C-alpha atoms as a PDB file:
ATOM      1  CA  MET A   1       0.000   0.000   0.000  1.00  0.00           C
ATOM      2  CA  GLY A   2       1.687   3.181  -1.181  1.00  0.00           C
ATOM      3  CA  HIS A   3       0.861   6.441  -2.735  1.00  0.00           C
ATOM      4  CA  GLY A   4       1.710   8.159  -5.973  1.00  0.00           C
ATOM      5  CA  PRO A   5       3.497  11.444  -6.474  1.00  0.00           C
ATOM      6  CA  ALA A   6       2.137  14.457  -4.608  1.00  0.00           C
ATOM      7  CA  VAL A   7       1.759  16.406  -7.836  1.00  0.00           C
ATOM      8  CA  LYS A   8       1.256  15.418 -11.431  1.00  0.00           C
ATOM      9  CA  LEU A   9       4.589  15.794 -13.187  1.00  0.00           C
ATOM     10  CA  GLY A  10       4.715  16.929 -16.776  1.00  0.00           C
ATOM     11  CA  LYS A  11       6.966  18.719 -19.225  1.00  0.00           C
ATOM     12  CA  ASP A  12       8.646  21.777 -17.758  1.00  0.00           C
ATOM     13  CA  ASN A  13       8.785  24.404 -20.491  1.00  0.00           C
ATOM     14  CA  ALA A  14      10.828  26.693 -18.243  1.00  0.00           C
ATOM     15  CA  SER A  15      13.651  24.203 -17.675  1.00  0.00           C
ATOM     16  CA  SER A  16      16.061  25.780 -20.174  1.00  0.00           C
ATOM     17  CA  TYR A  17      15.511  29.222 -18.610  1.00  0.00           C
ATOM     18  CA  LYS A  18      16.036  27.826 -15.115  1.00  0.00           C
ATOM     19  CA  THR A  19      19.167  25.988 -16.217  1.00  0.00           C
ATOM     20  CA  ARG A  20      20.677  29.126 -17.788  1.00  0.00           C
ATOM     21  CA  LEU A  21      19.831  31.203 -14.722  1.00  0.00           C
ATOM     22  CA  GLY A  22      21.308  28.570 -12.411  1.00  0.00           C
ATOM     23  CA  VAL A  23      24.526  28.334 -14.409  1.00  0.00           C
ATOM     24  CA  TRP A  24      24.975  32.118 -14.463  1.00  0.00           C
ATOM     25  CA  MET A  25      24.331  32.375 -10.733  1.00  0.00           C
ATOM     26  CA  PHE A  26      26.747  29.496 -10.104  1.00  0.00           C
ATOM     27  CA  VAL A  27      29.452  31.266 -12.135  1.00  0.00           C
ATOM     28  CA  ALA A  28      28.842  34.553 -10.286  1.00  0.00           C
ATOM     29  CA  TYR A  29      29.060  32.876  -6.879  1.00  0.00           C
ATOM     30  CA  THR A  30      32.109  30.866  -7.921  1.00  0.00           C
ATOM     31  CA  LEU A  31      33.916  34.080  -8.895  1.00  0.00           C
ATOM     32  CA  PHE A  32      32.955  35.647  -5.555  1.00  0.00           C
ATOM     33  CA  TYR A  33      34.214  32.590  -3.670  1.00  0.00           C
ATOM     34  CA  ALA A  34      37.362  32.422  -5.825  1.00  0.00           C
ATOM     35  CA  SER A  35      38.152  36.009  -4.837  1.00  0.00           C
ATOM     36  CA  PHE A  36      37.953  34.955  -1.180  1.00  0.00           C
ATOM     37  CA  VAL A  37      40.318  32.046  -1.825  1.00  0.00           C
ATOM     38  CA  ALA A  38      42.660  34.206  -3.926  1.00  0.00           C
ATOM     39  CA  VAL A  39      42.976  36.859  -1.225  1.00  0.00           C
ATOM     40  CA  ASN A  40      43.735  34.142   1.324  1.00  0.00           C
ATOM     41  CA  ALA A  41      46.345  32.571  -0.942  1.00  0.00           C
ATOM     42  CA  ILE A  42      48.001  35.687  -2.356  1.00  0.00           C
ATOM     43  CA  LYS A  43      47.790  38.227   0.463  1.00  0.00           C
ATOM     44  CA  PRO A  44      46.580  36.585   3.697  1.00  0.00           C
ATOM     45  CA  SER A  45      47.563  39.616   5.760  1.00  0.00           C
ATOM     46  CA  VAL A  46      44.538  41.429   4.301  1.00  0.00           C
ATOM     47  CA  MET A  47      42.265  38.996   6.127  1.00  0.00           C
ATOM     48  CA  GLU A  48      43.704  40.104   9.493  1.00  0.00           C
ATOM     49  CA  LYS A  49      42.589  43.727   9.139  1.00  0.00           C
ATOM     50  CA  ALA A  50      39.646  44.969  11.183  1.00  0.00           C
ATOM     51  CA  VAL A  51      36.414  45.936   9.435  1.00  0.00           C
ATOM     52  CA  MET A  52      33.141  46.662  11.247  1.00  0.00           C
ATOM     53  CA  GLY A  53      34.618  45.364  14.504  1.00  0.00           C
ATOM     54  CA  GLN A  54      35.658  42.031  12.978  1.00  0.00           C
ATOM     55  CA  THR A  55      38.444  40.770  10.780  1.00  0.00           C
ATOM     56  CA  VAL A  56      38.035  40.859   7.006  1.00  0.00           C
ATOM     57  CA  ALA A  57      38.030  37.052   7.035  1.00  0.00           C
ATOM     58  CA  VAL A  58      34.958  36.893   9.277  1.00  0.00           C
ATOM     59  CA  VAL A  59      33.096  39.617   7.370  1.00  0.00           C
ATOM     60  CA  PHE A  60      33.961  38.038   4.012  1.00  0.00           C
ATOM     61  CA  GLY A  61      32.943  34.592   5.288  1.00  0.00           C
ATOM     62  CA  PHE A  62      29.574  35.823   6.489  1.00  0.00           C
ATOM     63  CA  ALA A  63      29.140  37.720   3.223  1.00  0.00           C
ATOM     64  CA  LEU A  64      29.625  34.441   1.354  1.00  0.00           C
ATOM     65  CA  ILE A  65      26.841  32.854   3.394  1.00  0.00           C
ATOM     66  CA  VAL A  66      24.473  35.812   3.084  1.00  0.00           C
ATOM     67  CA  VAL A  67      25.052  36.150  -0.666  1.00  0.00           C
ATOM     68  CA  ALA A  68      24.314  32.433  -1.135  1.00  0.00           C
ATOM     69  CA  LEU A  69      21.022  32.794   0.748  1.00  0.00           C
ATOM     70  CA  ILE A  70      20.049  35.914  -1.206  1.00  0.00           C
ATOM     71  CA  MET A  71      20.899  34.220  -4.492  1.00  0.00           C
ATOM     72  CA  ALA A  72      18.726  31.245  -3.502  1.00  0.00           C
ATOM     73  CA  VAL A  73      15.747  33.529  -2.881  1.00  0.00           C
ATOM     74  CA  ILE A  74      16.352  35.356  -6.177  1.00  0.00           C
ATOM     75  CA  TYR A  75      16.663  32.056  -8.055  1.00  0.00           C
ATOM     76  CA  ASN A  76      13.439  30.774  -6.527  1.00  0.00           C
ATOM     77  CA  HIS A  77      11.593  33.994  -7.393  1.00  0.00           C
ATOM     78  CA  PHE A  78      12.673  34.041 -11.037  1.00  0.00           C
ATOM     79  CA  CYS A  79      12.146  30.300 -11.529  1.00  0.00           C
ATOM     80  CA  THR A  80       8.649  30.437 -10.057  1.00  0.00           C
ATOM     81  CA  ALA A  81       7.794  33.365 -12.331  1.00  0.00           C
ATOM     82  CA  ALA A  82       9.230  31.526 -15.338  1.00  0.00           C
ATOM     83  CA  GLU A  83       7.235  28.381 -14.534  1.00  0.00           C
ATOM     84  CA  GLU A  84       4.047  30.401 -14.324  1.00  0.00           C
ATOM     85  CA  ARG A  85       4.843  32.190 -17.580  1.00  0.00           C
ATOM     86  CA  PHE A  86       5.983  29.186 -19.654  1.00  0.00           C
ATOM     87  CA  ASN A  87       3.869  26.346 -18.236  1.00  0.00           C
ATOM     88  CA  ARG A  88       0.370  27.748 -18.676  1.00  0.00           C
END
């Protein structure tokens, strides 16, 4: 005794849009993260400086987390809008 899927799955006409958006956001975040890694590798003394009462490393690290969360919300918003637009 089981159950079927919660929703009826069909063709997603917005999948190419969502894929492109996801790839672009992935590239943007990767560049942001790569800059964090590059600063740590090339000039680690920069990470020791104080900014807003914390070191640059802590501020940059939290910025990475916050940017990822914001990008997730943006991705969800645009993908939901695209699904509504393309899958009528």
